[in-house]
PDB file of all heavy atoms in Angstrom:
ATOM      1  N   ALA A   1      -5.530 -12.305 -34.013  1.00  0.00           N
ATOM      2  CA  ALA A   1      -6.520 -13.223 -33.439  1.00  0.00           C
ATOM      3  C   ALA A   1      -6.792 -12.893 -31.973  1.00  0.00           C
ATOM      4  O   ALA A   1      -7.939 -12.893 -31.527  1.00  0.00           O
ATOM      5  CB  ALA A   1      -6.036 -14.663 -33.573  1.00  0.00           C
ATOM      6  N   LEU A   2      -5.756 -12.595 -31.206  1.00  0.00           N
ATOM      7  CA  LEU A   2      -5.936 -12.282 -29.788  1.00  0.00           C
ATOM      8  C   LEU A   2      -6.586 -10.913 -29.587  1.00  0.00           C
ATOM      9  O   LEU A   2      -7.224 -10.683 -28.566  1.00  0.00           O
ATOM     10  CB  LEU A   2      -4.586 -12.315 -29.069  1.00  0.00           C
ATOM     11  CG  LEU A   2      -4.032 -13.708 -28.792  1.00  0.00           C
ATOM     12  CD1 LEU A   2      -2.611 -13.621 -28.259  1.00  0.00           C
ATOM     13  CD2 LEU A   2      -4.916 -14.462 -27.807  1.00  0.00           C
ATOM     14  N   ALA A   3      -6.430 -10.033 -30.569  1.00  0.00           N
ATOM     15  CA  ALA A   3      -7.020  -8.703 -30.453  1.00  0.00           C
ATOM     16  C   ALA A   3      -8.487  -8.683 -30.838  1.00  0.00           C
ATOM     17  O   ALA A   3      -9.164  -7.669 -30.676  1.00  0.00           O
ATOM     18  CB  ALA A   3      -6.250  -7.710 -31.333  1.00  0.00           C
ATOM     19  N   SER A   4      -9.003  -9.827 -31.313  1.00  0.00           N
ATOM     20  CA  SER A   4     -10.371  -9.847 -31.828  1.00  0.00           C
ATOM     21  C   SER A   4     -11.407  -9.691 -30.732  1.00  0.00           C
ATOM     22  O   SER A   4     -12.500  -9.214 -30.964  1.00  0.00           O
ATOM     23  CB  SER A   4     -10.630 -11.153 -32.584  1.00  0.00           C
ATOM     24  OG  SER A   4     -10.534 -12.271 -31.704  1.00  0.00           O
ATOM     25  N   GLY A   5     -11.099 -10.142 -29.474  1.00  0.00           N
ATOM     26  CA  GLY A   5     -12.046 -10.018 -28.367  1.00  0.00           C
ATOM     27  C   GLY A   5     -13.252 -10.901 -28.574  1.00  0.00           C
ATOM     28  O   GLY A   5     -13.213 -11.923 -29.254  1.00  0.00           O
ATOM     29  N   GLY A   6     -14.384 -10.499 -27.970  1.00  0.00           N
ATOM     30  CA  GLY A   6     -15.628 -11.247 -28.120  1.00  0.00           C
ATOM     31  C   GLY A   6     -15.513 -12.643 -27.571  1.00  0.00           C
ATOM     32  O   GLY A   6     -14.934 -12.876 -26.522  1.00  0.00           O
ATOM     33  N   ASN A   7     -16.080 -13.624 -28.291  1.00  0.00           N
ATOM     34  CA  ASN A   7     -16.076 -15.008 -27.833  1.00  0.00           C
ATOM     35  C   ASN A   7     -14.952 -15.819 -28.463  1.00  0.00           C
ATOM     36  O   ASN A   7     -14.941 -17.031 -28.373  1.00  0.00           O
ATOM     37  CB  ASN A   7     -17.427 -15.663 -28.160  1.00  0.00           C
ATOM     38  CG  ASN A   7     -18.533 -15.085 -27.325  1.00  0.00           C
ATOM     39  OD1 ASN A   7     -18.328 -14.763 -26.170  1.00  0.00           O
ATOM     40  ND2 ASN A   7     -19.704 -14.935 -27.912  1.00  0.00           N
ATOM     41  N   GLY A   8     -14.000 -15.157 -29.147  1.00  0.00           N
ATOM     42  CA  GLY A   8     -12.916 -15.866 -29.783  1.00  0.00           C
ATOM     43  C   GLY A   8     -11.722 -16.032 -28.866  1.00  0.00           C
ATOM     44  O   GLY A   8     -11.859 -16.157 -27.638  1.00  0.00           O
ATOM     45  N   LEU A   9     -10.534 -16.012 -29.462  1.00  0.00           N
ATOM     46  CA  LEU A   9      -9.316 -16.237 -28.690  1.00  0.00           C
ATOM     47  C   LEU A   9      -9.070 -15.126 -27.672  1.00  0.00           C
ATOM     48  O   LEU A   9      -8.566 -15.387 -26.575  1.00  0.00           O
ATOM     49  CB  LEU A   9      -8.131 -16.366 -29.642  1.00  0.00           C
ATOM     50  CG  LEU A   9      -8.189 -17.548 -30.613  1.00  0.00           C
ATOM     51  CD1 LEU A   9      -7.047 -17.479 -31.610  1.00  0.00           C
ATOM     52  CD2 LEU A   9      -8.155 -18.866 -29.856  1.00  0.00           C
ATOM     53  N   GLY A  10      -9.421 -13.892 -28.043  1.00  0.00           N
ATOM     54  CA  GLY A  10      -9.248 -12.796 -27.095  1.00  0.00           C
ATOM     55  C   GLY A  10     -10.108 -12.972 -25.856  1.00  0.00           C
ATOM     56  O   GLY A  10      -9.647 -12.774 -24.728  1.00  0.00           O
ATOM     57  N   GLY A  11     -11.368 -13.379 -26.048  1.00  0.00           N
ATOM     58  CA  GLY A  11     -12.237 -13.645 -24.911  1.00  0.00           C
ATOM     59  C   GLY A  11     -11.764 -14.810 -24.079  1.00  0.00           C
ATOM     60  O   GLY A  11     -11.883 -14.808 -22.846  1.00  0.00           O
ATOM     61  N   MET A  12     -11.211 -15.825 -24.738  1.00  0.00           N
ATOM     62  CA  MET A  12     -10.669 -16.982 -24.032  1.00  0.00           C
ATOM     63  C   MET A  12      -9.508 -16.557 -23.127  1.00  0.00           C
ATOM     64  O   MET A  12      -9.414 -16.983 -21.972  1.00  0.00           O
ATOM     65  CB  MET A  12     -10.177 -18.011 -25.069  1.00  0.00           C
ATOM     66  CG  MET A  12      -9.818 -19.368 -24.519  1.00  0.00           C
ATOM     67  SD  MET A  12      -9.065 -20.402 -25.810  1.00  0.00           S
ATOM     68  CE  MET A  12     -10.341 -20.381 -27.079  1.00  0.00           C
ATOM     69  N   ARG A  13      -8.643 -15.686 -23.647  1.00  0.00           N
ATOM     70  CA  ARG A  13      -7.503 -15.213 -22.850  1.00  0.00           C
ATOM     71  C   ARG A  13      -7.968 -14.441 -21.615  1.00  0.00           C
ATOM     72  O   ARG A  13      -7.433 -14.642 -20.514  1.00  0.00           O
ATOM     73  CB  ARG A  13      -6.615 -14.323 -23.720  1.00  0.00           C
ATOM     74  CG  ARG A  13      -5.416 -13.746 -22.970  1.00  0.00           C
ATOM     75  CD  ARG A  13      -4.571 -12.865 -23.853  1.00  0.00           C
ATOM     76  NE  ARG A  13      -5.328 -11.732 -24.358  1.00  0.00           N
ATOM     77  CZ  ARG A  13      -4.802 -10.786 -25.143  1.00  0.00           C
ATOM     78  NH1 ARG A  13      -3.546 -10.877 -25.518  1.00  0.00           N
ATOM     79  NH2 ARG A  13      -5.545  -9.773 -25.568  1.00  0.00           N
ATOM     80  N   GLU A  14      -8.965 -13.569 -21.793  1.00  0.00           N
ATOM     81  CA  GLU A  14      -9.447 -12.785 -20.664  1.00  0.00           C
ATOM     82  C   GLU A  14     -10.080 -13.673 -19.593  1.00  0.00           C
ATOM     83  O   GLU A  14      -9.931 -13.425 -18.400  1.00  0.00           O
ATOM     84  CB  GLU A  14     -10.457 -11.743 -21.151  1.00  0.00           C
ATOM     85  CG  GLU A  14      -9.857 -10.682 -22.071  1.00  0.00           C
ATOM     86  CD  GLU A  14      -8.639 -10.015 -21.463  1.00  0.00           C
ATOM     87  OE1 GLU A  14      -8.712  -9.624 -20.281  1.00  0.00           O
ATOM     88  OE2 GLU A  14      -7.624  -9.897 -22.169  1.00  0.00           O
ATOM     89  N   ARG A  15     -10.797 -14.713 -20.005  1.00  0.00           N
ATOM     90  CA  ARG A  15     -11.403 -15.624 -19.023  1.00  0.00           C
ATOM     91  C   ARG A  15     -10.323 -16.354 -18.239  1.00  0.00           C
ATOM     92  O   ARG A  15     -10.430 -16.513 -17.023  1.00  0.00           O
ATOM     93  CB  ARG A  15     -12.302 -16.625 -19.730  1.00  0.00           C
ATOM     94  CG  ARG A  15     -13.077 -17.520 -18.754  1.00  0.00           C
ATOM     95  CD  ARG A  15     -13.880 -18.577 -19.475  1.00  0.00           C
ATOM     96  NE  ARG A  15     -14.714 -17.996 -20.491  1.00  0.00           N
ATOM     97  CZ  ARG A  15     -14.675 -18.326 -21.775  1.00  0.00           C
ATOM     98  NH1 ARG A  15     -13.818 -19.232 -22.194  1.00  0.00           N
ATOM     99  NH2 ARG A  15     -15.483 -17.771 -22.642  1.00  0.00           N
ATOM    100  N   LEU A  16      -9.282 -16.808 -18.913  1.00  0.00           N
ATOM    101  CA  LEU A  16      -8.196 -17.489 -18.215  1.00  0.00           C
ATOM    102  C   LEU A  16      -7.522 -16.559 -17.207  1.00  0.00           C
ATOM    103  O   LEU A  16      -7.127 -16.989 -16.123  1.00  0.00           O
ATOM    104  CB  LEU A  16      -7.164 -18.006 -19.221  1.00  0.00           C
ATOM    105  CG  LEU A  16      -7.604 -19.209 -20.062  1.00  0.00           C
ATOM    106  CD1 LEU A  16      -6.662 -19.406 -21.239  1.00  0.00           C
ATOM    107  CD2 LEU A  16      -7.651 -20.478 -19.207  1.00  0.00           C
ATOM    108  N   ARG A  17      -7.401 -15.297 -17.548  1.00  0.00           N
ATOM    109  CA  ARG A  17      -6.770 -14.330 -16.637  1.00  0.00           C
ATOM    110  C   ARG A  17      -7.548 -14.198 -15.335  1.00  0.00           C
ATOM    111  O   ARG A  17      -6.964 -13.936 -14.278  1.00  0.00           O
ATOM    112  CB  ARG A  17      -6.675 -12.964 -17.321  1.00  0.00           C
ATOM    113  CG  ARG A  17      -5.534 -12.847 -18.322  1.00  0.00           C
ATOM    114  CD  ARG A  17      -5.528 -11.465 -18.944  1.00  0.00           C
ATOM    115  NE  ARG A  17      -4.375 -11.275 -19.822  1.00  0.00           N
ATOM    116  CZ  ARG A  17      -4.178 -10.190 -20.560  1.00  0.00           C
ATOM    117  NH1 ARG A  17      -5.064  -9.194 -20.510  1.00  0.00           N
ATOM    118  NH2 ARG A  17      -3.123 -10.092 -21.343  1.00  0.00           N
ATOM    119  N   LEU A  18      -8.855 -14.337 -15.396  1.00  0.00           N
ATOM    120  CA  LEU A  18      -9.662 -14.238 -14.184  1.00  0.00           C
ATOM    121  C   LEU A  18      -9.267 -15.299 -13.165  1.00  0.00           C
ATOM    122  O   LEU A  18      -9.493 -15.133 -11.964  1.00  0.00           O
ATOM    123  CB  LEU A  18     -11.145 -14.384 -14.518  1.00  0.00           C
ATOM    124  CG  LEU A  18     -11.777 -13.268 -15.356  1.00  0.00           C
ATOM    125  CD1 LEU A  18     -13.228 -13.595 -15.645  1.00  0.00           C
ATOM    126  CD2 LEU A  18     -11.657 -11.921 -14.654  1.00  0.00           C
ATOM    127  N   TYR A  19      -8.694 -16.391 -13.637  1.00  0.00           N
ATOM    128  CA  TYR A  19      -8.291 -17.492 -12.757  1.00  0.00           C
ATOM    129  C   TYR A  19      -6.764 -17.590 -12.645  1.00  0.00           C
ATOM    130  O   TYR A  19      -6.231 -18.632 -12.307  1.00  0.00           O
ATOM    131  CB  TYR A  19      -8.880 -18.809 -13.262  1.00  0.00           C
ATOM    132  CG  TYR A  19     -10.382 -18.857 -13.083  1.00  0.00           C
ATOM    133  CD1 TYR A  19     -11.226 -18.270 -14.011  1.00  0.00           C
ATOM    134  CD2 TYR A  19     -10.941 -19.425 -11.946  1.00  0.00           C
ATOM    135  CE1 TYR A  19     -12.606 -18.266 -13.827  1.00  0.00           C
ATOM    136  CE2 TYR A  19     -12.311 -19.435 -11.755  1.00  0.00           C
ATOM    137  CZ  TYR A  19     -13.137 -18.850 -12.709  1.00  0.00           C
ATOM    138  OH  TYR A  19     -14.495 -18.841 -12.514  1.00  0.00           O
ATOM    139  N   GLY A  20      -6.092 -16.481 -12.929  1.00  0.00           N
ATOM    140  CA  GLY A  20      -4.642 -16.444 -12.813  1.00  0.00           C
ATOM    141  C   GLY A  20      -3.928 -17.202 -13.905  1.00  0.00           C
ATOM    142  O   GLY A  20      -2.733 -17.493 -13.780  1.00  0.00           O
ATOM    143  N   GLY A  21      -4.637 -17.520 -14.977  1.00  0.00           N
ATOM    144  CA  GLY A  21      -4.051 -18.296 -16.067  1.00  0.00           C
ATOM    145  C   GLY A  21      -3.547 -17.407 -17.191  1.00  0.00           C
ATOM    146  O   GLY A  21      -3.658 -16.183 -17.164  1.00  0.00           O
ATOM    147  N   ARG A  22      -2.999 -18.054 -18.203  1.00  0.00           N
ATOM    148  CA  ARG A  22      -2.490 -17.321 -19.353  1.00  0.00           C
ATOM    149  C   ARG A  22      -2.690 -18.168 -20.607  1.00  0.00           C
ATOM    150  O   ARG A  22      -2.799 -19.397 -20.541  1.00  0.00           O
ATOM    151  CB  ARG A  22      -1.007 -16.971 -19.174  1.00  0.00           C
ATOM    152  CG  ARG A  22      -0.089 -18.158 -19.026  1.00  0.00           C
ATOM    153  CD  ARG A  22       1.308 -17.720 -18.580  1.00  0.00           C
ATOM    154  NE  ARG A  22       2.258 -18.830 -18.573  1.00  0.00           N
ATOM    155  CZ  ARG A  22       2.369 -19.689 -17.577  1.00  0.00           C
ATOM    156  NH1 ARG A  22       1.601 -19.566 -16.500  1.00  0.00           N
ATOM    157  NH2 ARG A  22       3.266 -20.657 -17.645  1.00  0.00           N
ATOM    158  N   LEU A  23      -2.738 -17.487 -21.729  1.00  0.00           N
ATOM    159  CA  LEU A  23      -2.942 -18.135 -23.020  1.00  0.00           C
ATOM    160  C   LEU A  23      -1.804 -17.762 -23.950  1.00  0.00           C
ATOM    161  O   LEU A  23      -1.452 -16.581 -24.069  1.00  0.00           O
ATOM    162  CB  LEU A  23      -4.281 -17.696 -23.620  1.00  0.00           C
ATOM    163  CG  LEU A  23      -4.642 -18.291 -24.982  1.00  0.00           C
ATOM    164  CD1 LEU A  23      -4.955 -19.778 -24.843  1.00  0.00           C
ATOM    165  CD2 LEU A  23      -5.835 -17.555 -25.593  1.00  0.00           C
ATOM    166  N   GLU A  24      -1.229 -18.763 -24.578  1.00  0.00           N
ATOM    167  CA  GLU A  24      -0.170 -18.531 -25.560  1.00  0.00           C
ATOM    168  C   GLU A  24      -0.588 -19.173 -26.881  1.00  0.00           C
ATOM    169  O   GLU A  24      -1.138 -20.276 -26.900  1.00  0.00           O
ATOM    170  CB  GLU A  24       1.156 -19.127 -25.074  1.00  0.00           C
ATOM    171  CG  GLU A  24       1.672 -18.508 -23.781  1.00  0.00           C
ATOM    172  CD  GLU A  24       2.895 -19.230 -23.240  1.00  0.00           C
ATOM    173  OE1 GLU A  24       3.298 -20.246 -23.854  1.00  0.00           O
ATOM    174  OE2 GLU A  24       3.432 -18.795 -22.205  1.00  0.00           O
ATOM    175  N   ILE A  25      -0.321 -18.466 -27.973  1.00  0.00           N
ATOM    176  CA  ILE A  25      -0.675 -18.959 -29.305  1.00  0.00           C
ATOM    177  C   ILE A  25       0.544 -18.876 -30.199  1.00  0.00           C
ATOM    178  O   ILE A  25       1.227 -17.847 -30.259  1.00  0.00           O
ATOM    179  CB  ILE A  25      -1.822 -18.136 -29.911  1.00  0.00           C
ATOM    180  CG1 ILE A  25      -3.090 -18.305 -29.084  1.00  0.00           C
ATOM    181  CG2 ILE A  25      -2.084 -18.550 -31.349  1.00  0.00           C
ATOM    182  CD1 ILE A  25      -4.236 -17.458 -29.568  1.00  0.00           C
ATOM    183  N   ALA A  26       0.826 -19.964 -30.877  1.00  0.00           N
ATOM    184  CA  ALA A  26       1.898 -19.995 -31.869  1.00  0.00           C
ATOM    185  C   ALA A  26       1.278 -20.393 -33.202  1.00  0.00           C
ATOM    186  O   ALA A  26       0.660 -21.452 -33.315  1.00  0.00           O
ATOM    187  CB  ALA A  26       2.991 -20.996 -31.473  1.00  0.00           C
ATOM    188  N   SER A  27       1.420 -19.524 -34.206  1.00  0.00           N
ATOM    189  CA  SER A  27       0.813 -19.807 -35.499  1.00  0.00           C
ATOM    190  C   SER A  27       1.407 -18.880 -36.543  1.00  0.00           C
ATOM    191  O   SER A  27       1.980 -17.838 -36.232  1.00  0.00           O
ATOM    192  CB  SER A  27      -0.705 -19.623 -35.440  1.00  0.00           C
ATOM    193  OG  SER A  27      -1.299 -19.923 -36.693  1.00  0.00           O
ATOM    194  N   ALA A  28       1.243 -19.284 -37.764  1.00  0.00           N
ATOM    195  CA  ALA A  28       1.568 -18.458 -38.918  1.00  0.00           C
ATOM    196  C   ALA A  28       0.743 -19.000 -40.070  1.00  0.00           C
ATOM    197  O   ALA A  28       0.365 -20.179 -40.072  1.00  0.00           O
ATOM    198  CB  ALA A  28       3.067 -18.522 -39.244  1.00  0.00           C
ATOM    199  N   PRO A  29       0.414 -18.156 -41.035  1.00  0.00           N
ATOM    200  CA  PRO A  29      -0.395 -18.631 -42.156  1.00  0.00           C
ATOM    201  C   PRO A  29       0.201 -19.876 -42.807  1.00  0.00           C
ATOM    202  O   PRO A  29       1.371 -19.920 -43.169  1.00  0.00           O
ATOM    203  CB  PRO A  29      -0.376 -17.434 -43.121  1.00  0.00           C
ATOM    204  CG  PRO A  29      -0.218 -16.243 -42.225  1.00  0.00           C
ATOM    205  CD  PRO A  29       0.682 -16.712 -41.122  1.00  0.00           C
TER     206      PRO A  29
END
C-alpha cells in the first residue's frame, strides 16, 4: 500500500515528510 505512490497512502506519506512528519500503517488482510 505504501509503495503504491500517487494519491494513495504513498502520496500521503510523502506529503507528511515535507512537514517533518511520518506515517505508520498497521494492517493485515
